[in-house]
Amino acid sequence: MPRQEVLERIKTAEQEADDIVEEAEAKREELVAEARREADEIRSEAEQEADELEAERLQEGRAEIETERERILEEGEEARDELVAEAEDHIDDAVEYAIGKFEEAVNAQT
């Protein structure tokens, strides 16, 4: 095979190799770009799910707090009602005691 032909074949092979490398690099860049897009999409979906979960847990927490608040208020109202009833039961005794002390004071002065 003549030298010129060998050189041409080598140049052709080198050009083909360069083309293959160029295509491979372009494909790699394309794949990297696609992977980044997919990663961004996954990250975005994860953030959205996290936001939704946070909102749901916050709502559940508020509901629990409201339930506890209502329970505490109810207990407070019951305790107040008991104290009022007990105080009303002792009104007559308190009035009699006060009158007795007043009479003692008046009798002590005479």
N, C-alpha and C. Protein backbone atom coordinates (compact mmCIF):
# COMPACT_ATOMS: atom_id res chain seq x y z
N MET A 1 0.85 -1.16 0.00
CA MET A 1 0.00 0.00 0.00
C MET A 1 0.90 1.23 0.00
N PRO A 2 0.62 2.16 -0.89
CA PRO A 2 1.46 3.34 -1.02
C PRO A 2 1.35 4.22 0.24
N ARG A 3 2.40 4.91 0.46
CA ARG A 3 2.51 5.76 1.63
C ARG A 3 1.40 6.82 1.68
N GLN A 4 1.09 7.41 0.61
CA GLN A 4 0.04 8.44 0.54
C GLN A 4 -1.29 7.85 0.99
N GLU A 5 -1.58 6.68 0.53
CA GLU A 5 -2.85 6.03 0.89
C GLU A 5 -2.88 5.72 2.39
N VAL A 6 -1.79 5.29 2.93
CA VAL A 6 -1.70 4.99 4.38
C VAL A 6 -1.94 6.27 5.17
N LEU A 7 -1.32 7.36 4.72
CA LEU A 7 -1.50 8.65 5.41
C LEU A 7 -2.97 9.10 5.35
N GLU A 8 -3.58 8.92 4.21
CA GLU A 8 -4.99 9.29 4.06
C GLU A 8 -5.86 8.46 4.99
N ARG A 9 -5.59 7.17 5.07
CA ARG A 9 -6.36 6.30 5.95
C ARG A 9 -6.17 6.70 7.43
N ILE A 10 -4.96 7.06 7.76
CA ILE A 10 -4.68 7.49 9.14
C ILE A 10 -5.44 8.78 9.43
N LYS A 11 -5.41 9.72 8.50
CA LYS A 11 -6.13 10.99 8.67
C LYS A 11 -7.63 10.73 8.79
N THR A 12 -8.14 9.85 7.96
CA THR A 12 -9.56 9.51 8.00
C THR A 12 -9.90 8.88 9.34
N ALA A 13 -9.05 7.96 9.79
CA ALA A 13 -9.28 7.30 11.09
C ALA A 13 -9.22 8.30 12.22
N GLU A 14 -8.28 9.22 12.15
CA GLU A 14 -8.17 10.24 13.19
C GLU A 14 -9.40 11.14 13.18
N GLN A 15 -9.89 11.51 11.99
CA GLN A 15 -11.08 12.36 11.88
C GLN A 15 -12.29 11.62 12.45
N GLU A 16 -12.39 10.34 12.10
CA GLU A 16 -13.50 9.54 12.64
C GLU A 16 -13.40 9.45 14.16
N ALA A 17 -12.20 9.28 14.68
CA ALA A 17 -12.00 9.23 16.13
C ALA A 17 -12.38 10.56 16.77
N ASP A 18 -11.98 11.65 16.12
CA ASP A 18 -12.34 12.98 16.63
C ASP A 18 -13.85 13.16 16.62
N ASP A 19 -14.48 12.72 15.54
CA ASP A 19 -15.95 12.81 15.44
C ASP A 19 -16.62 11.99 16.54
N ILE A 20 -16.10 10.80 16.79
CA ILE A 20 -16.67 9.93 17.82
C ILE A 20 -16.51 10.58 19.20
N VAL A 21 -15.33 11.15 19.46
CA VAL A 21 -15.07 11.83 20.74
C VAL A 21 -16.00 13.03 20.88
N GLU A 22 -16.16 13.79 19.80
CA GLU A 22 -17.03 14.96 19.82
C GLU A 22 -18.48 14.56 20.10
N GLU A 23 -18.94 13.51 19.43
CA GLU A 23 -20.29 13.00 19.66
C GLU A 23 -20.45 12.53 21.10
N ALA A 24 -19.43 11.82 21.59
CA ALA A 24 -19.49 11.31 22.97
C ALA A 24 -19.55 12.46 23.96
N GLU A 25 -18.76 13.51 23.73
CA GLU A 25 -18.78 14.68 24.62
C GLU A 25 -20.14 15.37 24.56
N ALA A 26 -20.69 15.51 23.36
CA ALA A 26 -22.01 16.12 23.23
C ALA A 26 -23.06 15.29 23.94
N LYS A 27 -22.98 13.98 23.79
CA LYS A 27 -23.93 13.08 24.46
C LYS A 27 -23.77 13.18 25.98
N ARG A 28 -22.50 13.24 26.43
CA ARG A 28 -22.24 13.37 27.86
C ARG A 28 -22.85 14.66 28.40
N GLU A 29 -22.65 15.76 27.70
CA GLU A 29 -23.20 17.05 28.12
C GLU A 29 -24.73 16.99 28.16
N GLU A 30 -25.29 16.34 27.16
CA GLU A 30 -26.75 16.18 27.09
C GLU A 30 -27.25 15.36 28.29
N LEU A 31 -26.54 14.26 28.58
CA LEU A 31 -26.93 13.41 29.71
C LEU A 31 -26.77 14.14 31.04
N VAL A 32 -25.71 14.91 31.17
CA VAL A 32 -25.49 15.68 32.39
C VAL A 32 -26.59 16.73 32.56
N ALA A 33 -26.93 17.40 31.48
CA ALA A 33 -27.99 18.41 31.53
C ALA A 33 -29.32 17.76 31.91
N GLU A 34 -29.62 16.61 31.32
CA GLU A 34 -30.86 15.90 31.64
C GLU A 34 -30.87 15.46 33.10
N ALA A 35 -29.72 14.96 33.58
CA ALA A 35 -29.62 14.53 34.97
C ALA A 35 -29.84 15.72 35.91
N ARG A 36 -29.31 16.87 35.54
CA ARG A 36 -29.51 18.07 36.37
C ARG A 36 -30.97 18.49 36.37
N ARG A 37 -31.62 18.42 35.21
CA ARG A 37 -33.04 18.76 35.13
C ARG A 37 -33.86 17.81 36.01
N GLU A 38 -33.55 16.52 35.92
CA GLU A 38 -34.26 15.54 36.74
C GLU A 38 -34.00 15.78 38.22
N ALA A 39 -32.76 16.09 38.57
CA ALA A 39 -32.42 16.36 39.98
C ALA A 39 -33.17 17.59 40.47
N ASP A 40 -33.25 18.63 39.64
CA ASP A 40 -33.99 19.84 40.01
C ASP A 40 -35.47 19.51 40.20
N GLU A 41 -36.01 18.70 39.33
CA GLU A 41 -37.41 18.31 39.43
C GLU A 41 -37.66 17.51 40.71
N ILE A 42 -36.77 16.56 40.98
CA ILE A 42 -36.90 15.75 42.20
C ILE A 42 -36.80 16.64 43.44
N ARG A 43 -35.83 17.55 43.43
CA ARG A 43 -35.66 18.46 44.56
C ARG A 43 -36.90 19.33 44.75
N SER A 44 -37.43 19.83 43.64
CA SER A 44 -38.62 20.67 43.70
C SER A 44 -39.81 19.89 44.26
N GLU A 45 -39.98 18.67 43.78
CA GLU A 45 -41.08 17.83 44.29
C GLU A 45 -40.89 17.52 45.77
N ALA A 46 -39.65 17.26 46.17
CA ALA A 46 -39.38 16.97 47.58
C ALA A 46 -39.67 18.19 48.45
N GLU A 47 -39.28 19.36 47.97
CA GLU A 47 -39.56 20.58 48.72
C GLU A 47 -41.06 20.82 48.83
N GLN A 48 -41.78 20.57 47.76
CA GLN A 48 -43.23 20.75 47.79
C GLN A 48 -43.86 19.76 48.77
N GLU A 49 -43.42 18.51 48.73
CA GLU A 49 -43.94 17.52 49.66
C GLU A 49 -43.62 17.90 51.10
N ALA A 50 -42.41 18.40 51.32
CA ALA A 50 -42.01 18.83 52.67
C ALA A 50 -42.87 20.00 53.14
N ASP A 51 -43.13 20.95 52.25
CA ASP A 51 -43.99 22.09 52.60
C ASP A 51 -45.40 21.62 52.95
N GLU A 52 -45.92 20.69 52.14
CA GLU A 52 -47.26 20.16 52.41
C GLU A 52 -47.30 19.41 53.74
N LEU A 53 -46.28 18.62 54.00
CA LEU A 53 -46.21 17.87 55.25
C LEU A 53 -46.09 18.83 56.43
N GLU A 54 -45.28 19.86 56.28
CA GLU A 54 -45.13 20.86 57.33
C GLU A 54 -46.48 21.53 57.62
N ALA A 55 -47.19 21.91 56.58
CA ALA A 55 -48.49 22.56 56.75
C ALA A 55 -49.47 21.61 57.43
N GLU A 56 -49.45 20.35 57.03
CA GLU A 56 -50.35 19.36 57.62
C GLU A 56 -50.03 19.17 59.11
N ARG A 57 -48.76 19.04 59.43
CA ARG A 57 -48.38 18.85 60.83
C ARG A 57 -48.69 20.10 61.65
N LEU A 58 -48.49 21.25 61.08
CA LEU A 58 -48.82 22.49 61.76
C LEU A 58 -50.31 22.56 62.05
N GLN A 59 -51.11 22.19 61.08
CA GLN A 59 -52.56 22.19 61.27
C GLN A 59 -52.96 21.18 62.35
N GLU A 60 -52.34 19.99 62.32
CA GLU A 60 -52.63 18.98 63.35
C GLU A 60 -52.23 19.49 64.72
N GLY A 61 -51.07 20.14 64.80
CA GLY A 61 -50.61 20.70 66.07
C GLY A 61 -51.56 21.75 66.60
N ARG A 62 -52.02 22.61 65.72
CA ARG A 62 -52.98 23.65 66.14
C ARG A 62 -54.28 23.03 66.63
N ALA A 63 -54.72 21.98 65.95
CA ALA A 63 -55.95 21.30 66.37
C ALA A 63 -55.77 20.67 67.75
N GLU A 64 -54.60 20.06 67.99
CA GLU A 64 -54.33 19.47 69.30
C GLU A 64 -54.29 20.54 70.38
N ILE A 65 -53.66 21.66 70.06
CA ILE A 65 -53.59 22.76 71.02
C ILE A 65 -54.98 23.28 71.33
N GLU A 66 -55.80 23.44 70.32
CA GLU A 66 -57.17 23.94 70.52
C GLU A 66 -57.97 22.96 71.37
N THR A 67 -57.82 21.66 71.11
CA THR A 67 -58.52 20.64 71.90
C THR A 67 -58.08 20.72 73.37
N GLU A 68 -56.77 20.84 73.58
CA GLU A 68 -56.24 20.94 74.95
C GLU A 68 -56.72 22.22 75.62
N ARG A 69 -56.75 23.30 74.86
CA ARG A 69 -57.23 24.59 75.38
C ARG A 69 -58.68 24.48 75.84
N GLU A 70 -59.50 23.86 75.00
CA GLU A 70 -60.91 23.68 75.35
C GLU A 70 -61.07 22.83 76.61
N ARG A 71 -60.24 21.77 76.71
CA ARG A 71 -60.30 20.89 77.88
C ARG A 71 -59.93 21.67 79.15
N ILE A 72 -58.88 22.46 79.06
CA ILE A 72 -58.43 23.24 80.22
C ILE A 72 -59.49 24.27 80.61
N LEU A 73 -60.07 24.94 79.61
CA LEU A 73 -61.12 25.92 79.91
C LEU A 73 -62.33 25.25 80.56
N GLU A 74 -62.69 24.08 80.08
CA GLU A 74 -63.82 23.35 80.64
C GLU A 74 -63.53 22.96 82.09
N GLU A 75 -62.32 22.48 82.35
CA GLU A 75 -61.95 22.13 83.71
C GLU A 75 -61.99 23.37 84.61
N GLY A 76 -61.52 24.49 84.09
CA GLY A 76 -61.54 25.75 84.85
C GLY A 76 -62.95 26.19 85.16
N GLU A 77 -63.84 26.07 84.19
CA GLU A 77 -65.24 26.44 84.41
C GLU A 77 -65.88 25.54 85.45
N GLU A 78 -65.58 24.25 85.39
CA GLU A 78 -66.13 23.31 86.38
C GLU A 78 -65.62 23.65 87.77
N ALA A 79 -64.33 23.94 87.89
CA ALA A 79 -63.75 24.29 89.18
C ALA A 79 -64.37 25.58 89.70
N ARG A 80 -64.55 26.55 88.81
CA ARG A 80 -65.17 27.81 89.21
C ARG A 80 -66.60 27.58 89.70
N ASP A 81 -67.36 26.78 88.96
CA ASP A 81 -68.74 26.48 89.35
C ASP A 81 -68.80 25.81 90.72
N GLU A 82 -67.84 24.90 90.98
CA GLU A 82 -67.79 24.24 92.28
C GLU A 82 -67.49 25.24 93.40
N LEU A 83 -66.54 26.14 93.12
CA LEU A 83 -66.20 27.16 94.13
C LEU A 83 -67.36 28.11 94.39
N VAL A 84 -68.05 28.50 93.33
CA VAL A 84 -69.22 29.38 93.49
C VAL A 84 -70.30 28.68 94.30
N ALA A 85 -70.56 27.41 93.98
CA ALA A 85 -71.58 26.65 94.71
C ALA A 85 -71.20 26.50 96.18
N GLU A 86 -69.91 26.22 96.41
CA GLU A 86 -69.44 26.07 97.79
C GLU A 86 -69.55 27.39 98.54
N ALA A 87 -69.20 28.48 97.87
CA ALA A 87 -69.30 29.80 98.49
C ALA A 87 -70.74 30.15 98.79
N GLU A 88 -71.64 29.83 97.86
CA GLU A 88 -73.06 30.11 98.09
C GLU A 88 -73.60 29.29 99.26
N ASP A 89 -73.09 28.07 99.43
CA ASP A 89 -73.51 27.24 100.56
C ASP A 89 -73.08 27.86 101.88
N HIS A 90 -72.00 28.65 101.88
CA HIS A 90 -71.48 29.22 103.11
C HIS A 90 -71.93 30.66 103.35
N ILE A 91 -72.74 31.21 102.46
CA ILE A 91 -73.18 32.60 102.62
C ILE A 91 -73.93 32.78 103.92
N ASP A 92 -74.90 31.89 104.19
CA ASP A 92 -75.70 32.02 105.42
C ASP A 92 -74.80 31.95 106.65
N ASP A 93 -73.84 31.00 106.64
CA ASP A 93 -72.92 30.87 107.77
C ASP A 93 -72.07 32.14 107.92
N ALA A 94 -71.62 32.70 106.81
CA ALA A 94 -70.80 33.90 106.85
C ALA A 94 -71.60 35.08 107.37
N VAL A 95 -72.86 35.19 106.93
CA VAL A 95 -73.71 36.29 107.40
C VAL A 95 -73.95 36.13 108.90
N GLU A 96 -74.27 34.93 109.34
CA GLU A 96 -74.51 34.69 110.77
C GLU A 96 -73.27 35.00 111.59
N TYR A 97 -72.09 34.60 111.06
CA TYR A 97 -70.82 34.85 111.75
C TYR A 97 -70.59 36.36 111.86
N ALA A 98 -70.82 37.07 110.75
CA ALA A 98 -70.61 38.52 110.74
C ALA A 98 -71.57 39.20 111.70
N ILE A 99 -72.82 38.77 111.69
CA ILE A 99 -73.81 39.37 112.62
C ILE A 99 -73.41 39.07 114.06
N GLY A 100 -72.97 37.84 114.30
CA GLY A 100 -72.54 37.47 115.65
C GLY A 100 -71.38 38.33 116.12
N LYS A 101 -70.41 38.53 115.28
CA LYS A 101 -69.27 39.37 115.63
C LYS A 101 -69.71 40.81 115.87
N PHE A 102 -70.64 41.28 115.03
CA PHE A 102 -71.14 42.63 115.19
C PHE A 102 -71.86 42.77 116.53
N GLU A 103 -72.71 41.78 116.84
CA GLU A 103 -73.45 41.81 118.12
C GLU A 103 -72.48 41.75 119.29
N GLU A 104 -71.44 40.94 119.20
CA GLU A 104 -70.44 40.86 120.25
C GLU A 104 -69.77 42.21 120.44
N ALA A 105 -69.45 42.87 119.33
CA ALA A 105 -68.80 44.15 119.39
C ALA A 105 -69.73 45.18 120.02
N VAL A 106 -71.01 45.13 119.63
CA VAL A 106 -71.98 46.08 120.17
C VAL A 106 -72.17 45.80 121.67
N ASN A 107 -72.32 44.53 122.02
CA ASN A 107 -72.52 44.16 123.46
C ASN A 107 -71.30 44.49 124.28
N ALA A 108 -70.12 44.40 123.69
CA ALA A 108 -68.91 44.70 124.42
C ALA A 108 -68.81 46.19 124.73
N GLN A 109 -69.45 47.00 123.91
CA GLN A 109 -69.40 48.45 124.12
C GLN A 109 -70.44 48.89 125.13
N THR A 110 -71.42 48.10 125.39
CA THR A 110 -72.46 48.56 126.32
C THR A 110 -72.26 48.09 127.73
